[in-house]
Amino acid sequence: IDFYQRDYKWSEEPVKRLMYDIFYQFDETYDKHSDLEPNKENINSKYPWYYLNTYVTNNVDGKEFVVDGQQRLTTLTLMLIKLYLMAKEKESKTEKWVERKILGYSGTEKEFWMNHTRHVKVLSCLLEGMPPSSIDTASGITAVNMIKNYQVISSYFDEKLSEKKQLETFIFYFLLRLVLINLAVDTKHVPM
């Protein structure tokens, strides 16, 4: 996240709207194909694409910065953290696949793909499964909104994905059928 980006400001309403949109398509298809095993072939052949919009990035000195789409990408990261914890809890083989969509490693250090540098501690605590109410949000409004929205996501996912097979099917759907288009801007003057 570059210096000129605003804080993560999404409230409960846009987060719920995004979840409802994603689950509307998923639920409709899952009802028809709940007997199928969750795997790449079944999801790609039976579940339609769901277009999540475009985000804009800029590469400066080998680092990729989000120019537009930060609110949505941060919310999707919070969703991935919840899916990772659910997969881990249910001992799903999808656990490591989901984790790799959240972060990578630079040596032995975790590096979140959606790297809110001032709020990495919040993301780390969520990823470790700490209760949101015990996580320090003194780093700012972004941290406060991350915690609030994670709790909304967590409750909704717990309700919608209680069974392991449904969770795994949703993970395949989320990672294979949701489409985000990356528009890369090649300039040094992106804030302008």
N, C-alpha and C. Protein backbone atom coordinates (compact mmCIF):
# COMPACT_ATOMS: atom_id res chain seq x y z
N ILE A 1 0.86 -1.17 0.00
CA ILE A 1 0.00 0.00 0.00
C ILE A 1 0.90 1.22 0.00
N ASP A 2 0.75 2.08 -1.00
CA ASP A 2 1.63 3.23 -1.11
C ASP A 2 1.18 4.35 -0.16
N PHE A 3 2.05 5.32 0.05
CA PHE A 3 1.84 6.38 1.04
C PHE A 3 0.58 7.21 0.78
N TYR A 4 0.18 7.38 -0.47
CA TYR A 4 -0.96 8.24 -0.79
C TYR A 4 -2.30 7.53 -0.64
N GLN A 5 -2.29 6.22 -0.38
CA GLN A 5 -3.54 5.47 -0.25
C GLN A 5 -4.27 5.85 1.03
N ARG A 6 -5.57 5.91 0.92
CA ARG A 6 -6.37 6.19 2.12
C ARG A 6 -6.41 4.94 2.99
N ASP A 7 -6.86 5.11 4.22
CA ASP A 7 -6.98 3.98 5.14
C ASP A 7 -8.03 3.00 4.64
N TYR A 8 -8.01 1.81 5.22
CA TYR A 8 -9.05 0.82 4.93
C TYR A 8 -10.31 1.27 5.65
N LYS A 9 -11.28 1.73 4.86
CA LYS A 9 -12.47 2.38 5.44
C LYS A 9 -13.76 1.59 5.27
N TRP A 10 -13.70 0.45 4.58
CA TRP A 10 -14.96 -0.27 4.35
C TRP A 10 -15.63 -0.60 5.67
N SER A 11 -16.92 -0.34 5.71
CA SER A 11 -17.73 -0.67 6.87
C SER A 11 -18.40 -2.03 6.63
N GLU A 12 -19.27 -2.40 7.53
CA GLU A 12 -19.96 -3.69 7.44
C GLU A 12 -20.78 -3.83 6.16
N GLU A 13 -21.41 -2.75 5.71
CA GLU A 13 -22.32 -2.84 4.55
C GLU A 13 -21.63 -3.32 3.27
N PRO A 14 -20.54 -2.68 2.81
CA PRO A 14 -19.90 -3.18 1.58
C PRO A 14 -19.28 -4.57 1.75
N VAL A 15 -18.84 -4.89 2.95
CA VAL A 15 -18.28 -6.23 3.21
C VAL A 15 -19.38 -7.27 3.05
N LYS A 16 -20.53 -7.02 3.66
CA LYS A 16 -21.65 -7.96 3.53
C LYS A 16 -22.13 -8.05 2.09
N ARG A 17 -22.18 -6.94 1.41
CA ARG A 17 -22.62 -6.94 0.01
C ARG A 17 -21.69 -7.81 -0.84
N LEU A 18 -20.39 -7.68 -0.63
CA LEU A 18 -19.42 -8.49 -1.37
C LEU A 18 -19.61 -9.98 -1.04
N MET A 19 -19.77 -10.31 0.23
CA MET A 19 -19.97 -11.70 0.62
C MET A 19 -21.26 -12.26 0.02
N TYR A 20 -22.35 -11.49 0.10
CA TYR A 20 -23.63 -11.95 -0.43
C TYR A 20 -23.53 -12.19 -1.93
N ASP A 21 -22.85 -11.30 -2.63
CA ASP A 21 -22.68 -11.47 -4.08
C ASP A 21 -21.91 -12.75 -4.40
N ILE A 22 -20.83 -12.99 -3.69
CA ILE A 22 -20.02 -14.18 -3.93
C ILE A 22 -20.81 -15.44 -3.60
N PHE A 23 -21.48 -15.43 -2.46
CA PHE A 23 -22.21 -16.62 -2.03
C PHE A 23 -23.48 -16.87 -2.84
N TYR A 24 -24.07 -15.84 -3.40
CA TYR A 24 -25.28 -16.04 -4.20
C TYR A 24 -25.01 -17.03 -5.33
N GLN A 25 -23.97 -16.77 -6.09
CA GLN A 25 -23.59 -17.64 -7.21
C GLN A 25 -23.14 -19.02 -6.70
N PHE A 26 -22.35 -19.01 -5.64
CA PHE A 26 -21.85 -20.28 -5.10
C PHE A 26 -23.00 -21.15 -4.60
N ASP A 27 -23.88 -20.59 -3.77
CA ASP A 27 -24.98 -21.37 -3.18
C ASP A 27 -25.88 -21.97 -4.26
N GLU A 28 -26.17 -21.18 -5.26
CA GLU A 28 -27.04 -21.64 -6.34
C GLU A 28 -26.44 -22.86 -7.04
N THR A 29 -25.16 -22.83 -7.31
CA THR A 29 -24.49 -23.93 -8.00
C THR A 29 -24.26 -25.10 -7.05
N TYR A 30 -23.90 -24.81 -5.81
CA TYR A 30 -23.65 -25.88 -4.84
C TYR A 30 -24.91 -26.70 -4.61
N ASP A 31 -26.07 -26.06 -4.57
CA ASP A 31 -27.33 -26.78 -4.39
C ASP A 31 -27.54 -27.82 -5.49
N LYS A 32 -27.09 -27.53 -6.68
CA LYS A 32 -27.25 -28.45 -7.82
C LYS A 32 -26.18 -29.54 -7.83
N HIS A 33 -25.01 -29.24 -7.28
CA HIS A 33 -23.86 -30.14 -7.43
C HIS A 33 -23.19 -30.50 -6.10
N SER A 34 -23.94 -30.54 -5.03
CA SER A 34 -23.33 -30.81 -3.71
C SER A 34 -22.76 -32.22 -3.60
N ASP A 35 -23.14 -33.10 -4.51
CA ASP A 35 -22.63 -34.47 -4.48
C ASP A 35 -21.21 -34.59 -5.06
N LEU A 36 -20.77 -33.57 -5.79
CA LEU A 36 -19.46 -33.61 -6.42
C LEU A 36 -18.34 -33.42 -5.41
N GLU A 37 -17.24 -34.11 -5.65
CA GLU A 37 -16.06 -33.93 -4.82
C GLU A 37 -15.45 -32.55 -5.10
N PRO A 38 -14.97 -31.87 -4.07
CA PRO A 38 -14.32 -30.57 -4.30
C PRO A 38 -12.93 -30.77 -4.91
N ASN A 39 -12.83 -30.50 -6.19
CA ASN A 39 -11.53 -30.56 -6.86
C ASN A 39 -11.56 -29.61 -8.05
N LYS A 40 -10.41 -29.37 -8.60
CA LYS A 40 -10.24 -28.40 -9.68
C LYS A 40 -11.13 -28.71 -10.89
N GLU A 41 -11.17 -29.96 -11.30
CA GLU A 41 -11.93 -30.35 -12.48
C GLU A 41 -13.43 -30.10 -12.28
N ASN A 42 -13.97 -30.52 -11.16
CA ASN A 42 -15.40 -30.35 -10.90
C ASN A 42 -15.79 -28.88 -10.78
N ILE A 43 -14.98 -28.12 -10.09
CA ILE A 43 -15.30 -26.70 -9.92
C ILE A 43 -15.21 -25.97 -11.25
N ASN A 44 -14.16 -26.22 -12.01
CA ASN A 44 -14.00 -25.54 -13.30
C ASN A 44 -15.08 -25.93 -14.31
N SER A 45 -15.59 -27.14 -14.22
CA SER A 45 -16.60 -27.57 -15.20
C SER A 45 -18.03 -27.22 -14.80
N LYS A 46 -18.31 -27.07 -13.51
CA LYS A 46 -19.70 -26.87 -13.06
C LYS A 46 -20.00 -25.48 -12.51
N TYR A 47 -18.98 -24.77 -12.04
CA TYR A 47 -19.20 -23.48 -11.40
C TYR A 47 -18.84 -22.35 -12.37
N PRO A 48 -19.74 -21.38 -12.55
CA PRO A 48 -19.44 -20.28 -13.47
C PRO A 48 -18.42 -19.31 -12.86
N TRP A 49 -17.81 -18.51 -13.74
CA TRP A 49 -16.93 -17.44 -13.30
C TRP A 49 -17.75 -16.40 -12.54
N TYR A 50 -17.11 -15.73 -11.60
CA TYR A 50 -17.75 -14.59 -10.96
C TYR A 50 -16.76 -13.43 -11.02
N TYR A 51 -17.14 -12.37 -11.72
CA TYR A 51 -16.27 -11.23 -11.95
C TYR A 51 -16.33 -10.27 -10.76
N LEU A 52 -15.18 -10.03 -10.14
CA LEU A 52 -15.10 -9.17 -8.96
C LEU A 52 -14.59 -7.76 -9.25
N ASN A 53 -14.35 -7.45 -10.49
CA ASN A 53 -13.94 -6.11 -10.89
C ASN A 53 -12.44 -6.04 -11.17
N THR A 54 -11.98 -4.82 -11.33
CA THR A 54 -10.59 -4.55 -11.71
C THR A 54 -9.86 -3.88 -10.54
N TYR A 55 -8.58 -4.16 -10.44
CA TYR A 55 -7.74 -3.40 -9.51
C TYR A 55 -6.53 -2.91 -10.28
N VAL A 56 -5.97 -1.81 -9.84
CA VAL A 56 -4.87 -1.17 -10.56
C VAL A 56 -3.61 -1.22 -9.70
N THR A 57 -2.49 -1.62 -10.34
CA THR A 57 -1.21 -1.67 -9.63
C THR A 57 -0.16 -0.87 -10.38
N ASN A 58 0.91 -0.58 -9.67
CA ASN A 58 2.05 0.14 -10.23
C ASN A 58 3.32 -0.50 -9.67
N ASN A 59 4.26 -0.82 -10.54
CA ASN A 59 5.51 -1.42 -10.11
C ASN A 59 6.58 -0.34 -10.03
N VAL A 60 7.14 -0.18 -8.83
CA VAL A 60 8.20 0.80 -8.60
C VAL A 60 9.37 0.07 -7.94
N ASP A 61 10.50 0.09 -8.61
CA ASP A 61 11.72 -0.54 -8.09
C ASP A 61 11.48 -1.99 -7.66
N GLY A 62 10.73 -2.72 -8.46
CA GLY A 62 10.50 -4.13 -8.19
C GLY A 62 9.42 -4.43 -7.17
N LYS A 63 8.78 -3.40 -6.63
CA LYS A 63 7.69 -3.59 -5.67
C LYS A 63 6.37 -3.23 -6.34
N GLU A 64 5.37 -4.05 -6.10
CA GLU A 64 4.05 -3.85 -6.67
C GLU A 64 3.19 -3.07 -5.66
N PHE A 65 2.67 -1.92 -6.08
CA PHE A 65 1.82 -1.10 -5.22
C PHE A 65 0.40 -1.09 -5.76
N VAL A 66 -0.58 -1.16 -4.85
CA VAL A 66 -1.98 -1.08 -5.24
C VAL A 66 -2.33 0.39 -5.40
N VAL A 67 -2.85 0.73 -6.58
CA VAL A 67 -3.26 2.11 -6.87
C VAL A 67 -4.75 2.26 -6.61
N ASP A 68 -5.53 1.27 -7.07
CA ASP A 68 -6.98 1.30 -6.89
C ASP A 68 -7.47 -0.12 -6.66
N GLY A 69 -8.36 -0.29 -5.69
CA GLY A 69 -8.90 -1.60 -5.36
C GLY A 69 -8.48 -2.08 -3.99
N GLN A 70 -7.82 -1.22 -3.23
CA GLN A 70 -7.29 -1.59 -1.93
C GLN A 70 -8.39 -2.06 -0.97
N GLN A 71 -9.54 -1.42 -0.99
CA GLN A 71 -10.62 -1.79 -0.07
C GLN A 71 -11.08 -3.23 -0.33
N ARG A 72 -11.31 -3.53 -1.59
CA ARG A 72 -11.76 -4.88 -1.97
C ARG A 72 -10.67 -5.92 -1.70
N LEU A 73 -9.43 -5.61 -2.07
CA LEU A 73 -8.33 -6.56 -1.87
C LEU A 73 -8.08 -6.84 -0.38
N THR A 74 -8.19 -5.82 0.44
CA THR A 74 -8.03 -6.02 1.88
C THR A 74 -9.14 -6.91 2.42
N THR A 75 -10.37 -6.67 1.97
CA THR A 75 -11.50 -7.48 2.41
C THR A 75 -11.33 -8.93 1.95
N LEU A 76 -10.88 -9.14 0.72
CA LEU A 76 -10.63 -10.50 0.23
C LEU A 76 -9.52 -11.18 1.04
N THR A 77 -8.52 -10.40 1.47
CA THR A 77 -7.46 -10.95 2.32
C THR A 77 -8.04 -11.41 3.66
N LEU A 78 -8.93 -10.62 4.23
CA LEU A 78 -9.57 -11.01 5.49
C LEU A 78 -10.39 -12.28 5.30
N MET A 79 -11.06 -12.40 4.14
CA MET A 79 -11.81 -13.62 3.84
C MET A 79 -10.87 -14.82 3.73
N LEU A 80 -9.75 -14.62 3.07
CA LEU A 80 -8.78 -15.70 2.93
C LEU A 80 -8.22 -16.14 4.29
N ILE A 81 -7.99 -15.19 5.18
CA ILE A 81 -7.51 -15.54 6.52
C ILE A 81 -8.54 -16.42 7.22
N LYS A 82 -9.79 -16.06 7.13
CA LYS A 82 -10.84 -16.88 7.75
C LYS A 82 -10.90 -18.26 7.11
N LEU A 83 -10.82 -18.33 5.78
CA LEU A 83 -10.85 -19.62 5.09
C LEU A 83 -9.64 -20.48 5.50
N TYR A 84 -8.49 -19.85 5.63
CA TYR A 84 -7.28 -20.56 6.07
C TYR A 84 -7.49 -21.18 7.45
N LEU A 85 -8.01 -20.38 8.38
CA LEU A 85 -8.23 -20.89 9.75
C LEU A 85 -9.27 -22.00 9.78
N MET A 86 -10.30 -21.87 8.95
CA MET A 86 -11.33 -22.92 8.88
C MET A 86 -10.74 -24.20 8.29
N ALA A 87 -9.94 -24.07 7.25
CA ALA A 87 -9.30 -25.23 6.62
C ALA A 87 -8.36 -25.92 7.61
N LYS A 88 -7.63 -25.12 8.35
CA LYS A 88 -6.71 -25.66 9.35
C LYS A 88 -7.48 -26.41 10.44
N GLU A 89 -8.55 -25.80 10.91
CA GLU A 89 -9.37 -26.41 11.97
C GLU A 89 -9.98 -27.74 11.51
N LYS A 90 -10.40 -27.80 10.25
CA LYS A 90 -11.04 -29.00 9.73
C LYS A 90 -10.04 -29.97 9.10
N GLU A 91 -8.75 -29.67 9.27
CA GLU A 91 -7.66 -30.50 8.74
C GLU A 91 -7.84 -30.77 7.24
N SER A 92 -8.12 -29.70 6.52
CA SER A 92 -8.31 -29.78 5.08
C SER A 92 -6.97 -29.67 4.37
N LYS A 93 -6.85 -30.41 3.28
CA LYS A 93 -5.63 -30.35 2.47
C LYS A 93 -5.50 -29.02 1.74
N THR A 94 -6.54 -28.21 1.77
CA THR A 94 -6.50 -26.90 1.11
C THR A 94 -5.79 -25.84 1.96
N GLU A 95 -5.47 -26.16 3.19
CA GLU A 95 -4.89 -25.19 4.13
C GLU A 95 -3.68 -24.45 3.56
N LYS A 96 -2.69 -25.17 3.08
CA LYS A 96 -1.45 -24.54 2.59
C LYS A 96 -1.70 -23.76 1.30
N TRP A 97 -2.60 -24.24 0.47
CA TRP A 97 -2.96 -23.54 -0.77
C TRP A 97 -3.53 -22.16 -0.43
N VAL A 98 -4.44 -22.12 0.54
CA VAL A 98 -5.03 -20.84 0.96
C VAL A 98 -3.96 -19.94 1.58
N GLU A 99 -3.11 -20.52 2.43
CA GLU A 99 -2.06 -19.72 3.08
C GLU A 99 -1.18 -19.02 2.05
N ARG A 100 -0.84 -19.72 0.96
CA ARG A 100 0.02 -19.12 -0.07
C ARG A 100 -0.66 -17.97 -0.80
N LYS A 101 -1.97 -17.86 -0.72
CA LYS A 101 -2.68 -16.74 -1.34
C LYS A 101 -2.71 -15.52 -0.42
N ILE A 102 -2.34 -15.71 0.84
CA ILE A 102 -2.34 -14.64 1.83
C ILE A 102 -0.95 -14.03 1.96
N LEU A 103 0.07 -14.87 1.94
CA LEU A 103 1.42 -14.40 2.19
C LEU A 103 2.45 -15.31 1.55
N GLY A 104 3.64 -14.77 1.48
CA GLY A 104 4.80 -15.53 1.05
C GLY A 104 5.87 -15.39 2.12
N TYR A 105 7.04 -15.89 1.84
CA TYR A 105 8.13 -15.78 2.82
C TYR A 105 9.33 -15.14 2.16
N SER A 106 9.93 -14.22 2.90
CA SER A 106 11.19 -13.61 2.50
C SER A 106 12.19 -14.12 3.52
N GLY A 107 12.92 -15.16 3.15
CA GLY A 107 13.75 -15.85 4.14
C GLY A 107 12.82 -16.59 5.09
N THR A 108 12.91 -16.25 6.36
CA THR A 108 12.03 -16.88 7.35
C THR A 108 10.89 -15.96 7.76
N GLU A 109 10.86 -14.76 7.21
CA GLU A 109 9.85 -13.76 7.59
C GLU A 109 8.63 -13.83 6.68
N LYS A 110 7.45 -13.78 7.30
CA LYS A 110 6.21 -13.71 6.54
C LYS A 110 6.10 -12.36 5.85
N GLU A 111 5.58 -12.37 4.64
CA GLU A 111 5.32 -11.12 3.94
C GLU A 111 3.93 -11.23 3.30
N PHE A 112 3.00 -10.46 3.84
CA PHE A 112 1.63 -10.48 3.33
C PHE A 112 1.59 -9.85 1.94
N TRP A 113 0.84 -10.49 1.05
CA TRP A 113 0.71 -9.93 -0.31
C TRP A 113 0.01 -8.58 -0.24
N MET A 114 -0.99 -8.45 0.61
CA MET A 114 -1.67 -7.18 0.83
C MET A 114 -1.00 -6.56 2.05
N ASN A 115 0.14 -5.93 1.82
CA ASN A 115 1.05 -5.54 2.89
C ASN A 115 0.74 -4.14 3.44
N HIS A 116 -0.14 -4.10 4.40
CA HIS A 116 -0.41 -2.86 5.13
C HIS A 116 0.72 -2.72 6.15
N THR A 117 1.78 -2.04 5.79
CA THR A 117 3.00 -2.06 6.61
C THR A 117 2.76 -1.67 8.07
N ARG A 118 1.90 -0.68 8.31
CA ARG A 118 1.65 -0.26 9.70
C ARG A 118 0.74 -1.24 10.44
N HIS A 119 0.13 -2.17 9.72
CA HIS A 119 -0.88 -3.02 10.34
C HIS A 119 -0.59 -4.52 10.16
N VAL A 120 0.67 -4.85 9.86
CA VAL A 120 1.06 -6.25 9.67
C VAL A 120 0.80 -7.05 10.94
N LYS A 121 0.99 -6.44 12.09
CA LYS A 121 0.77 -7.14 13.37
C LYS A 121 -0.69 -7.59 13.48
N VAL A 122 -1.62 -6.77 13.03
CA VAL A 122 -3.04 -7.13 13.08
C VAL A 122 -3.29 -8.34 12.18
N LEU A 123 -2.77 -8.28 10.94
CA LEU A 123 -2.93 -9.41 10.02
C LEU A 123 -2.30 -10.68 10.59
N SER A 124 -1.11 -10.54 11.18
CA SER A 124 -0.42 -11.70 11.77
C SER A 124 -1.23 -12.31 12.91
N CYS A 125 -1.77 -11.46 13.75
CA CYS A 125 -2.56 -11.95 14.88
C CYS A 125 -3.82 -12.67 14.40
N LEU A 126 -4.47 -12.11 13.39
CA LEU A 126 -5.65 -12.78 12.83
C LEU A 126 -5.27 -14.13 12.24
N LEU A 127 -4.18 -14.17 11.50
CA LEU A 127 -3.72 -15.40 10.87
C LEU A 127 -3.36 -16.46 11.90
N GLU A 128 -2.87 -16.04 13.05
CA GLU A 128 -2.53 -16.97 14.13
C GLU A 128 -3.76 -17.44 14.89
N GLY A 129 -4.92 -16.86 14.57
CA GLY A 129 -6.17 -17.28 15.21
C GLY A 129 -6.45 -16.62 16.54
N MET A 130 -5.77 -15.52 16.82
CA MET A 130 -6.04 -14.81 18.08
C MET A 130 -7.47 -14.27 18.06
N PRO A 131 -8.13 -14.25 19.22
CA PRO A 131 -9.47 -13.66 19.26
C PRO A 131 -9.39 -12.19 18.86
N PRO A 132 -10.22 -11.75 17.91
CA PRO A 132 -10.15 -10.36 17.45
C PRO A 132 -10.23 -9.33 18.57
N SER A 133 -11.00 -9.62 19.61
CA SER A 133 -11.15 -8.65 20.70
C SER A 133 -9.85 -8.44 21.48
N SER A 134 -8.89 -9.36 21.34
CA SER A 134 -7.63 -9.23 22.08
C SER A 134 -6.51 -8.61 21.24
N ILE A 135 -6.82 -8.23 19.99
CA ILE A 135 -5.78 -7.71 19.10
C ILE A 135 -5.69 -6.19 19.23
N ASP A 136 -4.49 -5.70 19.39
CA ASP A 136 -4.23 -4.27 19.55
C ASP A 136 -4.49 -3.54 18.23
N THR A 137 -5.37 -2.54 18.26
CA THR A 137 -5.70 -1.76 17.06
C THR A 137 -5.18 -0.33 17.15
N ALA A 138 -4.18 -0.11 18.00
CA ALA A 138 -3.64 1.24 18.19
C ALA A 138 -2.95 1.78 16.94
N SER A 139 -2.70 0.94 15.96
CA SER A 139 -2.02 1.41 14.74
C SER A 139 -2.92 2.26 13.85
N GLY A 140 -4.22 2.32 14.17
CA GLY A 140 -5.08 3.24 13.43
C GLY A 140 -6.40 2.67 12.97
N ILE A 141 -7.14 3.50 12.23
CA ILE A 141 -8.49 3.16 11.78
C ILE A 141 -8.49 1.95 10.86
N THR A 142 -7.43 1.77 10.09
CA THR A 142 -7.34 0.57 9.24
C THR A 142 -7.39 -0.68 10.10
N ALA A 143 -6.64 -0.71 11.18
CA ALA A 143 -6.63 -1.85 12.09
C ALA A 143 -8.00 -2.07 12.71
N VAL A 144 -8.63 -0.99 13.15
CA VAL A 144 -9.97 -1.08 13.75
C VAL A 144 -10.95 -1.69 12.75
N ASN A 145 -10.93 -1.21 11.51
CA ASN A 145 -11.86 -1.71 10.49
C ASN A 145 -11.53 -3.14 10.07
N MET A 146 -10.24 -3.49 10.05
CA MET A 146 -9.87 -4.87 9.76
C MET A 146 -10.50 -5.82 10.78
N ILE A 147 -10.40 -5.46 12.05
CA ILE A 147 -10.94 -6.31 13.11
C ILE A 147 -12.46 -6.39 13.02
N LYS A 148 -13.12 -5.26 12.87
CA LYS A 148 -14.58 -5.25 12.77
C LYS A 148 -15.06 -6.10 11.59
N ASN A 149 -14.44 -5.89 10.44
CA ASN A 149 -14.87 -6.60 9.24
C ASN A 149 -14.49 -8.08 9.29
N TYR A 150 -13.37 -8.40 9.91
CA TYR A 150 -13.03 -9.81 10.07
C TYR A 150 -14.10 -10.52 10.91
N GLN A 151 -14.59 -9.86 11.93
CA GLN A 151 -15.62 -10.47 12.78
C GLN A 151 -16.92 -10.70 11.98
N VAL A 152 -17.27 -9.77 11.12
CA VAL A 152 -18.44 -9.93 10.25
C VAL A 152 -18.23 -11.13 9.33
N ILE A 153 -17.07 -11.18 8.70
CA ILE A 153 -16.74 -12.28 7.78
C ILE A 153 -16.73 -13.60 8.53
N SER A 154 -16.11 -13.63 9.68
CA SER A 154 -15.98 -14.85 10.47
C SER A 154 -17.36 -15.42 10.83
N SER A 155 -18.24 -14.59 11.31
CA SER A 155 -19.59 -15.05 11.67
C SER A 155 -20.33 -15.59 10.46
N TYR A 156 -20.24 -14.87 9.36
CA TYR A 156 -20.95 -15.27 8.15
C TYR A 156 -20.40 -16.59 7.60
N PHE A 157 -19.09 -16.73 7.54
CA PHE A 157 -18.47 -17.95 7.04
C PHE A 157 -18.76 -19.14 7.96
N ASP A 158 -18.75 -18.91 9.28
CA ASP A 158 -19.07 -20.00 10.22
C ASP A 158 -20.48 -20.52 9.96
N GLU A 159 -21.39 -19.61 9.67
CA GLU A 159 -22.78 -19.99 9.41
C GLU A 159 -22.92 -20.70 8.07
N LYS A 160 -22.25 -20.20 7.04
CA LYS A 160 -22.44 -20.71 5.68
C LYS A 160 -21.61 -21.96 5.36
N LEU A 161 -20.48 -22.14 6.04
CA LEU A 161 -19.53 -23.20 5.66
C LEU A 161 -19.22 -24.12 6.82
N SER A 162 -20.24 -24.66 7.43
CA SER A 162 -20.04 -25.48 8.63
C SER A 162 -19.52 -26.88 8.31
N GLU A 163 -19.77 -27.40 7.13
CA GLU A 163 -19.34 -28.75 6.76
C GLU A 163 -18.02 -28.69 5.97
N LYS A 164 -17.16 -29.65 6.21
CA LYS A 164 -15.84 -29.68 5.57
C LYS A 164 -15.94 -29.71 4.04
N LYS A 165 -16.82 -30.55 3.50
CA LYS A 165 -16.94 -30.66 2.05
C LYS A 165 -17.39 -29.34 1.42
N GLN A 166 -18.34 -28.69 2.07
CA GLN A 166 -18.83 -27.40 1.56
C GLN A 166 -17.74 -26.34 1.65
N LEU A 167 -16.99 -26.35 2.75
CA LEU A 167 -15.87 -25.42 2.91
C LEU A 167 -14.84 -25.64 1.80
N GLU A 168 -14.45 -26.88 1.56
CA GLU A 168 -13.45 -27.16 0.54
C GLU A 168 -13.95 -26.79 -0.85
N THR A 169 -15.22 -27.05 -1.11
CA THR A 169 -15.80 -26.68 -2.40
C THR A 169 -15.75 -25.16 -2.56
N PHE A 170 -16.09 -24.44 -1.49
CA PHE A 170 -16.07 -22.98 -1.55
C PHE A 170 -14.64 -22.47 -1.76
N ILE A 171 -13.67 -23.08 -1.12
CA ILE A 171 -12.27 -22.67 -1.29
C ILE A 171 -11.86 -22.83 -2.75
N PHE A 172 -12.19 -23.96 -3.36
CA PHE A 172 -11.88 -24.15 -4.77
C PHE A 172 -12.58 -23.09 -5.62
N TYR A 173 -13.85 -22.84 -5.32
CA TYR A 173 -14.61 -21.82 -6.04
C TYR A 173 -13.96 -20.45 -5.89
N PHE A 174 -13.64 -20.09 -4.66
CA PHE A 174 -13.06 -18.78 -4.34
C PHE A 174 -11.74 -18.58 -5.07
N LEU A 175 -10.90 -19.60 -5.09
CA LEU A 175 -9.57 -19.47 -5.66
C LEU A 175 -9.50 -19.72 -7.17
N LEU A 176 -10.48 -20.42 -7.71
CA LEU A 176 -10.45 -20.75 -9.14
C LEU A 176 -11.46 -20.00 -9.99
N ARG A 177 -12.58 -19.58 -9.41
CA ARG A 177 -13.66 -19.04 -10.24
C ARG A 177 -13.95 -17.55 -10.02
N LEU A 178 -13.39 -16.95 -8.98
CA LEU A 178 -13.56 -15.51 -8.80
C LEU A 178 -12.49 -14.81 -9.64
N VAL A 179 -12.92 -13.83 -10.41
CA VAL A 179 -12.01 -13.17 -11.35
C VAL A 179 -11.79 -11.72 -10.95
N LEU A 180 -10.53 -11.38 -10.82
CA LEU A 180 -10.09 -10.00 -10.62
C LEU A 180 -9.14 -9.68 -11.76
N ILE A 181 -9.35 -8.56 -12.40
CA ILE A 181 -8.48 -8.15 -13.50
C ILE A 181 -7.46 -7.14 -12.97
N ASN A 182 -6.18 -7.42 -13.18
CA ASN A 182 -5.12 -6.51 -12.76
C ASN A 182 -4.76 -5.60 -13.93
N LEU A 183 -4.95 -4.32 -13.74
CA LEU A 183 -4.55 -3.31 -14.72
C LEU A 183 -3.28 -2.68 -14.18
N ALA A 184 -2.17 -2.92 -14.85
CA ALA A 184 -0.88 -2.40 -14.38
C ALA A 184 -0.58 -1.06 -15.06
N VAL A 185 -0.30 -0.06 -14.24
CA VAL A 185 0.04 1.27 -14.73
C VAL A 185 1.55 1.42 -14.66
N ASP A 186 2.14 1.85 -15.75
CA ASP A 186 3.61 1.95 -15.80
C ASP A 186 4.02 3.42 -15.83
N THR A 187 4.06 4.02 -14.66
CA THR A 187 4.49 5.42 -14.54
C THR A 187 5.00 5.66 -13.13
N LYS A 188 5.85 6.65 -12.99
CA LYS A 188 6.37 7.01 -11.68
C LYS A 188 5.48 8.02 -10.97
N HIS A 189 4.44 8.52 -11.67
CA HIS A 189 3.61 9.60 -11.13
C HIS A 189 2.17 9.15 -10.91
N VAL A 190 1.98 7.94 -10.37
CA VAL A 190 0.66 7.37 -10.18
C VAL A 190 -0.26 8.25 -9.31
N PRO A 191 0.21 8.84 -8.21
CA PRO A 191 -0.70 9.66 -7.41
C PRO A 191 -1.33 10.81 -8.20
N MET A 192 -0.65 11.25 -9.26
CA MET A 192 -1.17 12.34 -10.07
C MET A 192 -2.28 11.85 -10.97
